[in-house]
Amino acid sequence: MLITSDASAIASLMRSKPGSLAAYPTETFYGLGVLINSRVGLERIITVKGRDVTKGMIVLVSDLTMASCIAVIDKDQKMLLERLWPGPVSVVLEAKQDIDPLLAPDGKVALRISSNIMATSLVEMVGPITSTSANRSGEPPARTAHEVEGRGLVIDAILDGGETPGGKPSTLIDLTTWPPECLREGAVTFQEILANCS
């Protein structure tokens, strides 16, 4: 397994072997990433984590332009996202038609721009990737590359960004309804998010 602090080395692996599965640091915990257009990679994540196929997965993007290639974003949603991103808030939006149903059950997809520089630079190099915690379902999420390695996950690489803050996961909100609905309260309170809607 490749363990490195060089995001370009991870990017090169993911581009040359599109089913590659890499762990990387975020603003909360370490995430597991594959290219979102790799069905093999998406299926690997489900197997590695023992994850429910119907759950969908959060997708990391590097900016709103990349987000708008994956989801339908109207003016009000865009204004809110400009206030919330980058940061630990994931938002559910209407997925565009060509998005894999493993990412977008019921035609909806969750997106986030990470405030972790290494995560965002990786996305800038390879395009959108999945962001699901680097652990088996039911286990605590990993905060360091060493913890990821210790989980015994069958993955190809770890982007070592040191220890992540941990704490709570990203807050998950549904932006397909207005005002937004809170699906999971996390690192940012829902009240803070609603205050940005006005």
Protein backbone atom coordinates (compact mmCIF):
# COMPACT_ATOMS: atom_id res chain seq x y z
CA MET A 1 0.00 0.00 0.00
CA LEU A 2 1.22 3.50 -0.88
CA ILE A 3 1.40 5.85 2.12
CA THR A 4 2.57 9.36 1.27
CA SER A 5 1.99 13.03 2.05
CA ASP A 6 2.27 13.84 -1.68
CA ALA A 7 -1.22 14.37 -3.10
CA SER A 8 0.11 14.23 -6.67
CA ALA A 9 1.36 10.66 -6.11
CA ILE A 10 -2.13 9.61 -4.95
CA ALA A 11 -3.67 11.46 -7.90
CA SER A 12 -1.37 9.65 -10.32
CA LEU A 13 -2.40 6.28 -8.87
CA MET A 14 -6.12 7.13 -9.06
CA ARG A 15 -5.82 8.30 -12.65
CA SER A 16 -3.78 5.31 -13.84
CA LYS A 17 -5.96 2.75 -12.03
CA PRO A 18 -9.48 4.22 -11.89
CA GLY A 19 -10.79 1.60 -9.42
CA SER A 20 -8.13 2.65 -6.87
CA LEU A 21 -9.33 3.32 -3.34
CA ALA A 22 -7.44 5.92 -1.29
CA ALA A 23 -7.85 7.32 2.21
CA TYR A 24 -7.23 11.04 2.71
CA PRO A 25 -7.59 13.68 5.46
CA THR A 26 -10.60 15.99 5.70
CA GLU A 27 -11.64 18.74 8.12
CA THR A 28 -13.20 16.09 10.40
CA PHE A 29 -11.84 12.53 9.89
CA TYR A 30 -10.08 10.53 7.17
CA GLY A 31 -12.28 9.75 4.18
CA LEU A 32 -12.24 7.01 1.54
CA GLY A 33 -12.12 8.19 -2.04
CA VAL A 34 -12.58 6.71 -5.50
CA LEU A 35 -13.30 8.50 -8.75
CA ILE A 36 -17.07 8.86 -8.93
CA ASN A 37 -17.22 7.58 -12.53
CA SER A 38 -15.59 4.26 -11.52
CA ARG A 39 -18.32 1.69 -10.90
CA VAL A 40 -15.66 -0.83 -9.83
CA GLY A 41 -14.33 1.64 -7.26
CA LEU A 42 -17.79 2.44 -5.89
CA GLU A 43 -18.55 -1.26 -5.50
CA ARG A 44 -15.20 -1.73 -3.74
CA ILE A 45 -16.10 0.91 -1.15
CA ILE A 46 -19.40 -0.83 -0.42
CA THR A 47 -17.57 -4.15 0.02
CA VAL A 48 -14.67 -2.72 2.07
CA LYS A 49 -16.96 -0.84 4.45
CA GLY A 50 -19.76 -3.41 4.55
CA ARG A 51 -21.99 -0.50 3.62
CA ASP A 52 -25.70 -0.47 2.81
CA VAL A 53 -26.01 -0.06 -0.98
CA THR A 54 -29.08 2.18 -0.62
CA LYS A 55 -27.31 4.81 1.49
CA GLY A 56 -25.51 6.75 -1.23
CA MET A 57 -22.19 8.50 -0.60
CA ILE A 58 -21.03 12.06 -0.15
CA VAL A 59 -18.99 13.45 -3.07
CA LEU A 60 -16.15 15.93 -2.61
CA VAL A 61 -15.85 18.69 -5.21
CA SER A 62 -13.30 21.50 -5.41
CA ASP A 63 -15.61 24.38 -6.34
CA LEU A 64 -19.16 25.30 -7.34
CA THR A 65 -18.39 24.81 -11.02
CA MET A 66 -17.51 21.16 -10.38
CA ALA A 67 -20.57 20.82 -8.14
CA SER A 68 -22.85 22.10 -10.92
CA CYS A 69 -21.58 19.32 -13.23
CA ILE A 70 -22.96 16.76 -10.77
CA ALA A 71 -26.08 18.42 -9.35
CA VAL A 72 -28.75 20.93 -10.30
CA ILE A 73 -28.07 24.13 -8.31
CA ASP A 74 -30.48 27.06 -8.41
CA LYS A 75 -29.76 30.68 -7.45
CA ASP A 76 -30.88 30.42 -3.79
CA GLN A 77 -28.95 27.19 -3.28
CA LYS A 78 -25.83 28.72 -4.86
CA MET A 79 -25.98 31.77 -2.57
CA LEU A 80 -26.23 29.54 0.50
CA LEU A 81 -23.40 27.26 -0.65
CA GLU A 82 -21.13 30.26 -1.19
CA ARG A 83 -21.61 31.02 2.53
CA LEU A 84 -21.24 27.43 3.81
CA TRP A 85 -18.35 26.13 1.69
CA PRO A 86 -15.59 25.18 2.12
CA GLY A 87 -16.33 23.48 5.42
CA PRO A 88 -17.94 20.52 7.19
CA VAL A 89 -21.40 20.87 5.64
CA SER A 90 -22.61 18.29 3.10
CA VAL A 91 -25.69 19.14 1.06
CA VAL A 92 -28.17 16.93 -0.75
CA LEU A 93 -29.16 18.23 -4.19
CA GLU A 94 -30.97 16.92 -7.26
CA ALA A 95 -28.47 14.79 -9.17
CA LYS A 96 -27.87 15.20 -12.88
CA GLN A 97 -29.02 12.23 -14.95
CA ASP A 98 -25.67 10.57 -15.61
CA ILE A 99 -24.66 10.22 -11.92
CA ASP A 100 -24.26 6.61 -10.76
CA PRO A 101 -27.24 5.46 -8.65
CA LEU A 102 -24.80 4.12 -6.05
CA LEU A 103 -24.00 7.80 -5.37
CA ALA A 104 -27.46 9.15 -6.00
CA PRO A 105 -30.23 6.90 -4.69
CA ASP A 106 -33.64 8.45 -5.43
CA GLY A 107 -31.97 10.86 -7.88
CA LYS A 108 -30.33 12.94 -5.12
CA VAL A 109 -26.61 13.36 -4.44
CA ALA A 110 -24.73 14.79 -1.43
CA LEU A 111 -21.82 17.19 -2.11
CA ARG A 112 -19.20 19.03 -0.08
CA ILE A 113 -16.15 21.25 -0.58
CA SER A 114 -13.63 20.33 2.10
CA SER A 115 -11.68 23.00 3.94
CA ASN A 116 -8.76 20.56 4.18
CA ILE A 117 -6.16 21.77 1.68
CA MET A 118 -4.82 18.27 0.90
CA ALA A 119 -8.30 16.89 0.20
CA THR A 120 -9.20 19.79 -2.06
CA SER A 121 -5.89 19.65 -3.95
CA LEU A 122 -6.47 15.93 -4.61
CA VAL A 123 -9.93 16.71 -6.00
CA GLU A 124 -8.50 19.49 -8.16
CA MET A 125 -6.07 16.97 -9.67
CA VAL A 126 -8.42 14.01 -10.26
CA GLY A 127 -11.97 15.39 -10.26
CA PRO A 128 -14.80 14.57 -7.86
CA ILE A 129 -14.23 11.70 -5.44
CA THR A 130 -16.30 9.94 -2.80
CA SER A 131 -16.08 11.00 0.83
CA THR A 132 -17.14 8.28 3.24
CA SER A 133 -15.35 7.68 6.53
CA ALA A 134 -12.29 5.40 6.42
CA ASN A 135 -13.64 2.57 8.57
CA ARG A 136 -15.98 -0.38 8.38
CA SER A 137 -19.62 0.51 9.02
CA GLY A 138 -20.22 0.64 12.75
CA GLU A 139 -16.55 1.25 13.66
CA PRO A 140 -15.26 4.63 14.89
CA PRO A 141 -13.82 6.85 12.13
CA ALA A 142 -10.04 7.25 11.81
CA ARG A 143 -8.22 10.49 12.67
CA THR A 144 -4.70 9.56 11.51
CA ALA A 145 -3.08 7.65 8.64
CA HIS A 146 -1.81 5.15 11.25
CA GLU A 147 -5.39 4.53 12.45
CA VAL A 148 -6.55 4.01 8.86
CA GLU A 149 -3.75 1.50 8.32
CA GLY A 150 -4.70 -0.28 11.55
CA ARG A 151 -8.29 -0.80 10.37
CA GLY A 152 -7.11 -3.50 7.95
CA LEU A 153 -9.16 -2.07 5.08
CA VAL A 154 -8.37 -3.41 1.61
CA ILE A 155 -7.33 -0.09 0.03
CA ASP A 156 -4.51 1.01 -2.27
CA ALA A 157 -3.18 4.21 -0.71
CA ILE A 158 -3.29 6.66 2.19
CA LEU A 159 -2.65 10.38 1.80
CA ASP A 160 -1.02 11.19 5.13
CA GLY A 161 -2.06 14.63 6.29
CA GLY A 162 -1.27 14.13 9.95
CA GLU A 163 -3.97 14.08 12.61
CA THR A 164 -7.39 15.45 11.66
CA PRO A 165 -9.58 17.41 14.12
CA GLY A 166 -12.08 14.57 14.66
CA GLY A 167 -15.09 15.65 16.69
CA LYS A 168 -18.35 15.40 14.81
CA PRO A 169 -18.81 14.41 11.14
CA SER A 170 -20.00 16.93 8.55
CA THR A 171 -23.51 18.24 9.02
CA LEU A 172 -25.82 16.84 6.33
CA ILE A 173 -28.68 18.96 5.03
CA ASP A 174 -31.27 18.46 2.31
CA LEU A 175 -31.37 21.41 -0.07
CA THR A 176 -34.01 19.86 -2.34
CA THR A 177 -36.57 21.40 0.04
CA TRP A 178 -36.67 25.05 1.13
CA PRO A 179 -36.05 25.96 3.86
CA PRO A 180 -33.43 23.18 4.10
CA GLU A 181 -34.00 20.10 6.23
CA CYS A 182 -31.40 18.73 8.64
CA LEU A 183 -30.60 15.05 7.98
CA ARG A 184 -27.61 14.80 10.37
CA GLU A 185 -26.39 17.48 12.74
CA GLY A 186 -22.60 17.48 12.91
CA ALA A 187 -19.69 19.91 13.10
CA VAL A 188 -21.88 22.93 12.17
CA THR A 189 -25.19 23.42 13.99
CA PHE A 190 -28.36 23.48 11.92
CA GLN A 191 -29.25 26.84 13.50
CA GLU A 192 -26.04 28.34 12.06
CA ILE A 193 -27.01 27.02 8.64
CA LEU A 194 -30.55 28.39 8.84
CA ALA A 195 -29.14 31.79 9.86
CA ASN A 196 -27.32 31.84 6.51
CA CYS A 197 -30.56 31.19 4.57
CA SER A 198 -32.10 34.57 5.30
